[in-house]
N, C-alpha and C. Protein backbone atom coordinates (compact mmCIF):
# COMPACT_ATOMS: atom_id res chain seq x y z
N UNK A 1 0.85 -1.19 0.01
CA UNK A 1 0.00 -0.01 -0.01
C UNK A 1 0.89 1.25 0.00
N UNK A 2 0.63 2.13 -0.94
CA UNK A 2 1.31 3.41 -1.01
C UNK A 2 0.92 4.27 0.19
N UNK A 3 1.82 5.03 0.71
CA UNK A 3 1.51 5.86 1.92
C UNK A 3 0.46 6.90 1.64
N UNK A 4 0.19 7.22 0.37
CA UNK A 4 -0.87 8.18 0.03
C UNK A 4 -2.23 7.54 -0.17
N UNK A 5 -2.29 6.21 -0.22
CA UNK A 5 -3.58 5.53 -0.39
C UNK A 5 -4.45 5.76 0.83
N UNK A 6 -5.75 5.83 0.60
CA UNK A 6 -6.69 6.06 1.69
C UNK A 6 -7.83 5.08 1.63
N UNK A 7 -8.32 4.68 2.80
CA UNK A 7 -9.50 3.81 2.92
C UNK A 7 -10.59 4.56 3.64
N UNK A 8 -11.81 4.41 3.14
CA UNK A 8 -13.01 5.05 3.71
C UNK A 8 -14.07 3.98 3.85
N UNK A 9 -14.70 3.91 5.02
CA UNK A 9 -15.69 2.85 5.25
C UNK A 9 -16.99 3.43 5.80
N UNK A 10 -18.07 2.75 5.45
CA UNK A 10 -19.38 3.08 6.03
C UNK A 10 -19.89 1.90 6.87
N UNK A 11 -19.06 0.92 7.12
CA UNK A 11 -19.48 -0.25 7.86
C UNK A 11 -19.98 -1.38 6.97
N UNK A 12 -20.34 -1.08 5.75
CA UNK A 12 -20.80 -2.11 4.81
C UNK A 12 -19.74 -2.37 3.76
N UNK A 13 -19.12 -1.32 3.27
CA UNK A 13 -18.02 -1.47 2.32
C UNK A 13 -16.91 -0.51 2.68
N UNK A 14 -15.71 -0.81 2.23
CA UNK A 14 -14.58 0.08 2.35
C UNK A 14 -14.14 0.48 0.96
N UNK A 15 -14.12 1.77 0.70
CA UNK A 15 -13.64 2.32 -0.56
C UNK A 15 -12.16 2.66 -0.40
N UNK A 16 -11.37 2.17 -1.31
CA UNK A 16 -9.94 2.47 -1.32
C UNK A 16 -9.66 3.45 -2.45
N UNK A 17 -8.95 4.53 -2.13
CA UNK A 17 -8.53 5.49 -3.13
C UNK A 17 -7.02 5.44 -3.24
N UNK A 18 -6.57 5.22 -4.48
CA UNK A 18 -5.13 5.15 -4.77
C UNK A 18 -4.79 6.34 -5.66
N UNK A 19 -4.38 7.48 -5.10
CA UNK A 19 -4.18 8.69 -5.88
C UNK A 19 -3.14 8.54 -7.02
N UNK A 20 -2.19 7.62 -6.86
CA UNK A 20 -1.20 7.43 -7.93
C UNK A 20 -1.86 6.90 -9.21
N UNK A 21 -3.00 6.24 -9.11
CA UNK A 21 -3.70 5.74 -10.29
C UNK A 21 -4.73 6.72 -10.84
N UNK A 22 -5.04 7.77 -10.11
CA UNK A 22 -6.12 8.69 -10.45
C UNK A 22 -5.71 9.58 -11.63
N UNK A 23 -6.53 9.68 -12.65
CA UNK A 23 -6.31 10.57 -13.77
C UNK A 23 -7.31 11.73 -13.81
N UNK A 24 -8.08 11.86 -12.75
CA UNK A 24 -9.03 12.96 -12.61
C UNK A 24 -10.05 12.99 -13.75
N UNK A 25 -10.63 11.84 -14.02
CA UNK A 25 -11.65 11.76 -15.05
C UNK A 25 -12.94 12.48 -14.61
N UNK A 26 -13.07 12.75 -13.34
CA UNK A 26 -14.18 13.50 -12.70
C UNK A 26 -15.48 12.70 -12.59
N UNK A 27 -15.49 11.45 -12.98
CA UNK A 27 -16.70 10.65 -12.90
C UNK A 27 -17.25 10.60 -11.49
N UNK A 28 -16.37 10.34 -10.53
CA UNK A 28 -16.82 10.17 -9.13
C UNK A 28 -17.49 11.43 -8.61
N UNK A 29 -16.84 12.56 -8.72
CA UNK A 29 -17.43 13.75 -8.12
C UNK A 29 -18.42 14.48 -9.00
N UNK A 30 -18.42 14.21 -10.30
CA UNK A 30 -19.45 14.83 -11.12
C UNK A 30 -20.75 14.07 -11.04
N UNK A 31 -20.68 12.78 -10.73
CA UNK A 31 -21.91 11.99 -10.66
C UNK A 31 -22.43 11.76 -9.24
N UNK A 32 -21.55 11.88 -8.22
CA UNK A 32 -21.98 11.66 -6.85
C UNK A 32 -21.23 12.59 -5.90
N UNK A 33 -21.50 13.88 -6.06
CA UNK A 33 -20.79 14.92 -5.29
C UNK A 33 -21.05 14.82 -3.80
N UNK A 34 -22.20 14.27 -3.40
CA UNK A 34 -22.49 14.18 -1.96
C UNK A 34 -21.60 13.14 -1.26
N UNK A 35 -20.89 12.33 -2.04
CA UNK A 35 -19.94 11.39 -1.47
C UNK A 35 -18.50 11.81 -1.81
N UNK A 36 -18.27 12.15 -3.07
CA UNK A 36 -16.92 12.47 -3.54
C UNK A 36 -16.83 13.98 -3.80
N UNK A 37 -16.20 14.71 -2.90
CA UNK A 37 -16.08 16.15 -3.03
C UNK A 37 -14.65 16.59 -2.82
N UNK A 38 -13.90 16.85 -3.92
CA UNK A 38 -12.48 17.18 -3.78
C UNK A 38 -12.23 18.50 -3.07
N UNK A 39 -13.26 19.30 -2.84
CA UNK A 39 -13.10 20.55 -2.10
C UNK A 39 -13.15 20.39 -0.59
N UNK A 40 -13.45 19.17 -0.13
CA UNK A 40 -13.58 18.91 1.32
C UNK A 40 -12.50 17.96 1.78
N UNK A 41 -12.24 17.97 3.08
CA UNK A 41 -11.31 17.00 3.67
C UNK A 41 -12.00 16.34 4.84
N UNK A 42 -12.10 15.05 4.92
CA UNK A 42 -11.71 14.14 3.86
C UNK A 42 -12.60 14.31 2.66
N UNK A 43 -12.11 14.00 1.50
CA UNK A 43 -12.86 14.25 0.25
C UNK A 43 -13.92 13.17 0.00
N UNK A 44 -13.88 12.05 0.72
CA UNK A 44 -14.87 10.97 0.57
C UNK A 44 -15.72 10.92 1.80
N UNK A 45 -17.03 11.12 1.65
CA UNK A 45 -17.99 11.06 2.73
C UNK A 45 -18.85 9.83 2.52
N UNK A 46 -18.53 8.73 3.18
CA UNK A 46 -19.23 7.48 2.98
C UNK A 46 -20.67 7.48 3.50
N UNK A 47 -21.04 8.52 4.23
CA UNK A 47 -22.42 8.61 4.72
C UNK A 47 -23.31 9.38 3.74
N UNK A 48 -22.72 9.92 2.65
CA UNK A 48 -23.45 10.79 1.73
C UNK A 48 -24.42 10.11 0.80
N UNK A 49 -24.37 8.78 0.69
CA UNK A 49 -25.27 8.08 -0.24
C UNK A 49 -25.34 6.61 0.21
N UNK A 50 -26.24 5.91 -0.41
CA UNK A 50 -26.39 4.47 -0.07
C UNK A 50 -25.16 3.70 -0.56
N UNK A 51 -24.96 2.56 0.05
CA UNK A 51 -23.84 1.70 -0.33
C UNK A 51 -23.91 1.34 -1.80
N UNK A 52 -25.09 1.01 -2.28
CA UNK A 52 -25.21 0.61 -3.69
C UNK A 52 -24.94 1.77 -4.65
N UNK A 53 -25.32 2.99 -4.26
CA UNK A 53 -24.98 4.16 -5.08
C UNK A 53 -23.46 4.35 -5.15
N UNK A 54 -22.79 4.18 -4.03
CA UNK A 54 -21.32 4.36 -3.97
C UNK A 54 -20.69 3.27 -4.83
N UNK A 55 -21.13 2.04 -4.71
CA UNK A 55 -20.57 0.93 -5.50
C UNK A 55 -20.73 1.23 -6.98
N UNK A 56 -21.89 1.71 -7.40
CA UNK A 56 -22.13 2.02 -8.81
C UNK A 56 -21.10 3.00 -9.33
N UNK A 57 -20.79 4.04 -8.57
CA UNK A 57 -19.84 5.07 -9.03
C UNK A 57 -18.42 4.52 -8.99
N UNK A 58 -18.06 3.82 -7.94
CA UNK A 58 -16.72 3.23 -7.82
C UNK A 58 -16.47 2.28 -9.00
N UNK A 59 -17.48 1.53 -9.43
CA UNK A 59 -17.31 0.62 -10.55
C UNK A 59 -17.11 1.36 -11.86
N UNK A 60 -17.40 2.64 -11.90
CA UNK A 60 -17.20 3.43 -13.12
C UNK A 60 -15.83 4.07 -13.19
N UNK A 61 -15.03 3.95 -12.15
CA UNK A 61 -13.70 4.53 -12.16
C UNK A 61 -12.84 3.90 -13.25
N UNK A 62 -12.32 4.69 -14.18
CA UNK A 62 -11.66 4.13 -15.36
C UNK A 62 -10.28 3.51 -15.09
N UNK A 63 -9.68 3.82 -13.96
CA UNK A 63 -8.34 3.31 -13.71
C UNK A 63 -8.26 2.45 -12.45
N UNK A 64 -9.36 2.23 -11.83
CA UNK A 64 -9.41 1.50 -10.56
C UNK A 64 -8.66 2.27 -9.46
N UNK A 65 -8.57 3.61 -9.58
CA UNK A 65 -8.03 4.41 -8.49
C UNK A 65 -9.00 4.31 -7.31
N UNK A 66 -10.28 4.11 -7.59
CA UNK A 66 -11.29 3.85 -6.58
C UNK A 66 -11.74 2.40 -6.74
N UNK A 67 -11.64 1.63 -5.67
CA UNK A 67 -12.12 0.26 -5.63
C UNK A 67 -12.85 0.08 -4.29
N UNK A 68 -13.51 -1.05 -4.15
CA UNK A 68 -14.18 -1.31 -2.86
C UNK A 68 -14.09 -2.75 -2.50
N UNK A 69 -14.24 -3.00 -1.23
CA UNK A 69 -14.36 -4.37 -0.69
C UNK A 69 -15.52 -4.34 0.30
N UNK A 70 -16.17 -5.52 0.40
CA UNK A 70 -17.23 -5.63 1.41
C UNK A 70 -16.62 -5.73 2.77
N UNK A 71 -17.21 -5.07 3.74
CA UNK A 71 -16.78 -5.25 5.12
C UNK A 71 -17.35 -6.57 5.62
N UNK A 72 -16.63 -7.27 6.45
CA UNK A 72 -17.01 -8.60 6.87
C UNK A 72 -18.22 -8.66 7.77
N UNK A 73 -18.54 -7.58 8.44
CA UNK A 73 -19.60 -7.62 9.42
C UNK A 73 -20.93 -7.08 8.92
N UNK A 74 -21.22 -7.26 7.65
CA UNK A 74 -22.51 -6.87 7.14
C UNK A 74 -23.58 -7.90 7.58
N UNK A 75 -24.63 -7.41 8.24
CA UNK A 75 -25.65 -8.33 8.71
C UNK A 75 -27.01 -7.85 8.25
N UNK A 76 -27.74 -8.72 7.57
CA UNK A 76 -29.11 -8.44 7.21
C UNK A 76 -29.31 -7.41 6.11
N UNK A 77 -28.26 -6.98 5.45
CA UNK A 77 -28.40 -6.00 4.39
C UNK A 77 -27.90 -6.61 3.10
N UNK A 78 -28.65 -6.36 2.03
CA UNK A 78 -28.23 -6.83 0.72
C UNK A 78 -27.40 -5.74 0.08
N UNK A 79 -26.17 -6.07 -0.20
CA UNK A 79 -25.24 -5.14 -0.86
C UNK A 79 -24.94 -5.72 -2.22
N UNK A 80 -25.15 -4.97 -3.24
CA UNK A 80 -24.99 -5.48 -4.60
C UNK A 80 -23.55 -5.40 -5.04
N UNK A 81 -22.62 -5.85 -4.16
CA UNK A 81 -21.21 -5.86 -4.47
C UNK A 81 -20.85 -6.96 -5.46
N UNK A 82 -21.77 -7.90 -5.65
CA UNK A 82 -21.45 -9.01 -6.55
C UNK A 82 -21.52 -8.60 -8.03
N UNK A 83 -22.00 -7.41 -8.31
CA UNK A 83 -22.06 -6.94 -9.70
C UNK A 83 -20.65 -6.72 -10.16
N UNK A 84 -20.21 -7.56 -11.04
CA UNK A 84 -18.82 -7.49 -11.52
C UNK A 84 -18.74 -6.60 -12.73
N UNK A 85 -17.58 -6.01 -12.92
CA UNK A 85 -17.34 -5.15 -14.07
C UNK A 85 -17.30 -5.95 -15.36
N UNK A 86 -17.05 -7.23 -15.29
CA UNK A 86 -16.91 -8.05 -16.47
C UNK A 86 -18.17 -8.90 -16.78
N UNK A 87 -19.33 -8.56 -16.24
CA UNK A 87 -20.52 -9.32 -16.58
C UNK A 87 -20.81 -9.30 -18.06
N UNK A 88 -20.62 -8.15 -18.68
CA UNK A 88 -20.86 -8.01 -20.13
C UNK A 88 -19.50 -8.21 -20.81
N UNK A 89 -19.37 -9.24 -21.64
CA UNK A 89 -18.06 -9.54 -22.22
C UNK A 89 -17.63 -8.53 -23.27
N UNK A 90 -18.52 -7.65 -23.68
CA UNK A 90 -18.14 -6.66 -24.70
C UNK A 90 -17.45 -5.47 -24.02
N UNK A 91 -16.59 -4.84 -24.78
CA UNK A 91 -15.93 -3.64 -24.28
C UNK A 91 -16.78 -2.43 -24.55
N UNK A 92 -16.68 -1.45 -23.70
CA UNK A 92 -17.40 -0.19 -23.88
C UNK A 92 -16.34 0.91 -23.92
N UNK A 93 -16.55 1.88 -24.78
CA UNK A 93 -15.62 3.00 -24.91
C UNK A 93 -16.42 4.30 -24.70
N UNK A 94 -15.89 5.13 -23.79
CA UNK A 94 -16.54 6.40 -23.52
C UNK A 94 -15.48 7.50 -23.72
N UNK A 95 -15.80 8.50 -24.50
CA UNK A 95 -14.89 9.64 -24.70
C UNK A 95 -15.24 10.72 -23.68
N UNK A 96 -14.26 11.10 -22.89
CA UNK A 96 -14.44 12.17 -21.90
C UNK A 96 -14.05 13.49 -22.50
N UNK A 97 -14.93 14.47 -22.39
CA UNK A 97 -14.66 15.80 -22.93
C UNK A 97 -13.38 16.32 -22.32
N UNK A 98 -12.46 16.75 -23.19
CA UNK A 98 -11.16 17.27 -22.74
C UNK A 98 -10.40 16.25 -21.90
N UNK A 99 -10.58 14.97 -22.17
CA UNK A 99 -9.92 13.94 -21.40
C UNK A 99 -9.70 12.69 -22.21
N UNK A 100 -9.47 11.60 -21.53
CA UNK A 100 -9.11 10.35 -22.19
C UNK A 100 -10.28 9.60 -22.80
N UNK A 101 -9.98 8.52 -23.48
CA UNK A 101 -10.95 7.56 -23.90
C UNK A 101 -10.97 6.48 -22.84
N UNK A 102 -12.11 6.27 -22.21
CA UNK A 102 -12.24 5.28 -21.16
C UNK A 102 -12.74 3.99 -21.76
N UNK A 103 -12.06 2.91 -21.50
CA UNK A 103 -12.45 1.60 -22.05
C UNK A 103 -12.72 0.68 -20.86
N UNK A 104 -13.87 0.05 -20.88
CA UNK A 104 -14.22 -0.89 -19.81
C UNK A 104 -14.78 -2.17 -20.43
N UNK A 105 -14.63 -3.23 -19.72
CA UNK A 105 -15.11 -4.51 -20.21
C UNK A 105 -14.02 -5.56 -20.13
N UNK A 106 -14.18 -6.55 -20.95
CA UNK A 106 -13.21 -7.65 -20.97
C UNK A 106 -12.41 -7.53 -22.25
N UNK A 107 -11.17 -7.11 -22.15
CA UNK A 107 -10.39 -6.85 -23.35
C UNK A 107 -8.91 -7.01 -23.07
N UNK A 108 -8.14 -7.10 -24.13
CA UNK A 108 -6.68 -7.11 -24.05
C UNK A 108 -6.15 -6.07 -25.05
N UNK A 109 -5.19 -5.31 -24.67
CA UNK A 109 -4.56 -4.31 -25.55
C UNK A 109 -3.19 -4.83 -25.94
N UNK A 110 -2.91 -4.79 -27.26
CA UNK A 110 -1.61 -5.21 -27.73
C UNK A 110 -0.95 -4.08 -28.48
N UNK A 111 0.40 -4.10 -28.52
CA UNK A 111 1.11 -3.08 -29.25
C UNK A 111 1.24 -3.45 -30.73
N UNK A 112 1.96 -2.66 -31.49
CA UNK A 112 2.06 -2.85 -32.92
C UNK A 112 2.68 -4.20 -33.30
N UNK A 113 3.47 -4.77 -32.39
CA UNK A 113 4.10 -6.06 -32.64
C UNK A 113 3.29 -7.23 -32.06
N UNK A 114 2.12 -6.94 -31.51
CA UNK A 114 1.29 -8.00 -30.96
C UNK A 114 1.59 -8.34 -29.50
N UNK A 115 2.49 -7.60 -28.89
CA UNK A 115 2.81 -7.83 -27.46
C UNK A 115 1.70 -7.28 -26.59
N UNK A 116 1.33 -8.07 -25.58
CA UNK A 116 0.24 -7.67 -24.69
C UNK A 116 0.70 -6.50 -23.80
N UNK A 117 -0.05 -5.39 -23.86
CA UNK A 117 0.24 -4.22 -23.02
C UNK A 117 -0.58 -4.27 -21.74
N UNK A 118 -1.82 -4.71 -21.87
CA UNK A 118 -2.69 -4.69 -20.71
C UNK A 118 -3.84 -5.65 -20.89
N UNK A 119 -4.20 -6.30 -19.80
CA UNK A 119 -5.45 -7.03 -19.72
C UNK A 119 -6.13 -6.43 -18.50
N UNK A 120 -7.26 -5.79 -18.72
CA UNK A 120 -7.82 -5.00 -17.64
C UNK A 120 -9.34 -4.96 -17.72
N UNK A 121 -9.93 -4.43 -16.69
CA UNK A 121 -11.36 -4.16 -16.67
C UNK A 121 -11.64 -2.71 -17.06
N UNK A 122 -10.74 -1.85 -16.72
CA UNK A 122 -10.91 -0.41 -16.97
C UNK A 122 -9.56 0.21 -17.26
N UNK A 123 -9.49 0.98 -18.33
CA UNK A 123 -8.26 1.75 -18.61
C UNK A 123 -8.67 3.08 -19.25
N UNK A 124 -7.74 3.97 -19.25
CA UNK A 124 -7.94 5.27 -19.89
C UNK A 124 -6.80 5.46 -20.88
N UNK A 125 -7.17 5.67 -22.16
CA UNK A 125 -6.19 5.87 -23.20
C UNK A 125 -6.04 7.39 -23.44
N UNK A 126 -4.82 7.82 -23.59
CA UNK A 126 -4.51 9.22 -23.82
C UNK A 126 -5.05 9.69 -25.17
N UNK A 127 -5.66 10.87 -25.18
CA UNK A 127 -6.08 11.45 -26.43
C UNK A 127 -5.32 12.75 -26.75
N UNK A 128 -4.62 13.28 -25.72
CA UNK A 128 -3.93 14.57 -25.93
C UNK A 128 -2.52 14.38 -26.52
N UNK A 129 -1.97 13.19 -26.35
CA UNK A 129 -0.63 12.90 -26.87
C UNK A 129 0.51 13.30 -25.98
N UNK A 130 0.24 13.77 -24.77
CA UNK A 130 1.33 14.27 -23.90
C UNK A 130 1.61 13.35 -22.70
N UNK A 131 0.92 12.23 -22.59
CA UNK A 131 1.11 11.34 -21.45
C UNK A 131 2.55 10.80 -21.43
N UNK A 132 3.08 10.65 -20.23
CA UNK A 132 4.43 10.08 -20.10
C UNK A 132 4.34 8.57 -20.06
N UNK A 133 3.13 8.01 -20.08
CA UNK A 133 2.98 6.56 -20.07
C UNK A 133 2.10 6.12 -21.26
N UNK A 134 2.37 6.67 -22.42
CA UNK A 134 1.59 6.33 -23.62
C UNK A 134 1.50 4.83 -23.81
N UNK A 135 0.42 4.30 -24.27
CA UNK A 135 -0.79 4.98 -24.74
C UNK A 135 -1.77 5.32 -23.63
N UNK A 136 -1.37 5.08 -22.39
CA UNK A 136 -2.29 5.27 -21.26
C UNK A 136 -2.26 6.71 -20.76
N UNK A 137 -3.39 7.16 -20.28
CA UNK A 137 -3.52 8.52 -19.76
C UNK A 137 -2.85 8.59 -18.38
N UNK A 138 -2.11 9.68 -18.16
CA UNK A 138 -1.55 9.89 -16.82
C UNK A 138 -2.07 11.17 -16.19
N UNK A 139 -3.07 11.79 -16.81
CA UNK A 139 -3.69 13.00 -16.25
C UNK A 139 -3.02 14.27 -16.71
N UNK A 140 -2.03 14.21 -17.58
CA UNK A 140 -1.35 15.42 -18.05
C UNK A 140 -2.32 16.42 -18.63
N UNK A 141 -3.34 15.96 -19.34
CA UNK A 141 -4.35 16.85 -19.93
C UNK A 141 -4.96 17.75 -18.88
N UNK A 142 -5.04 17.26 -17.65
CA UNK A 142 -5.67 17.98 -16.57
C UNK A 142 -4.81 19.11 -16.05
N UNK A 143 -3.47 19.00 -16.22
CA UNK A 143 -2.57 19.98 -15.64
C UNK A 143 -2.23 21.13 -16.60
N UNK A 144 -2.22 20.86 -17.90
CA UNK A 144 -1.86 21.93 -18.81
C UNK A 144 -2.93 22.22 -19.87
N UNK A 145 -4.03 21.58 -19.77
CA UNK A 145 -5.16 21.87 -20.68
C UNK A 145 -5.18 21.00 -21.91
N UNK A 146 -6.26 20.26 -22.10
CA UNK A 146 -6.39 19.32 -23.19
C UNK A 146 -6.31 20.00 -24.55
N UNK A 147 -7.07 21.08 -24.72
CA UNK A 147 -7.08 21.76 -26.01
C UNK A 147 -5.72 22.29 -26.40
N UNK A 148 -5.01 22.80 -25.40
CA UNK A 148 -3.66 23.30 -25.62
C UNK A 148 -2.73 22.17 -26.07
N UNK A 149 -2.88 20.98 -25.51
CA UNK A 149 -2.06 19.83 -25.85
C UNK A 149 -2.27 19.36 -27.28
N UNK A 150 -3.49 19.49 -27.77
CA UNK A 150 -3.81 18.94 -29.08
C UNK A 150 -3.34 19.84 -30.21
N UNK A 151 -3.01 21.08 -29.90
CA UNK A 151 -2.57 22.04 -30.94
C UNK A 151 -1.12 21.88 -31.26
């Protein structure tokens, strides 16, 4: 565990945030601001929404910077944590305005020579061309402006 990683729990699930993986796609706080608010400390308020709402947003994180685990002492509550990201075998691609192409599903990425680069559930591919970890997004578009990068 990186010293900057953080865990947040509501007694039903624990959400883990790994800032080194975060590319600031804004999905978490644009879709569920009452839980994920980067203007507050701590920035994750696990009491702000239902467990299933939190799980839904965490499952949309394109880089798995946000993940969750069930807490062991859940009693009498149905938590839909069993919904896996790979239920649908097809890949889905979402273009983020001024950001990366988010790919989710069951897929493998290979380079020009056919070498496997990644087998993942969620990744973000760079669209600005400035990432230091091409073809993957490292959030550079967020620091110097996507439109500026493309010119």
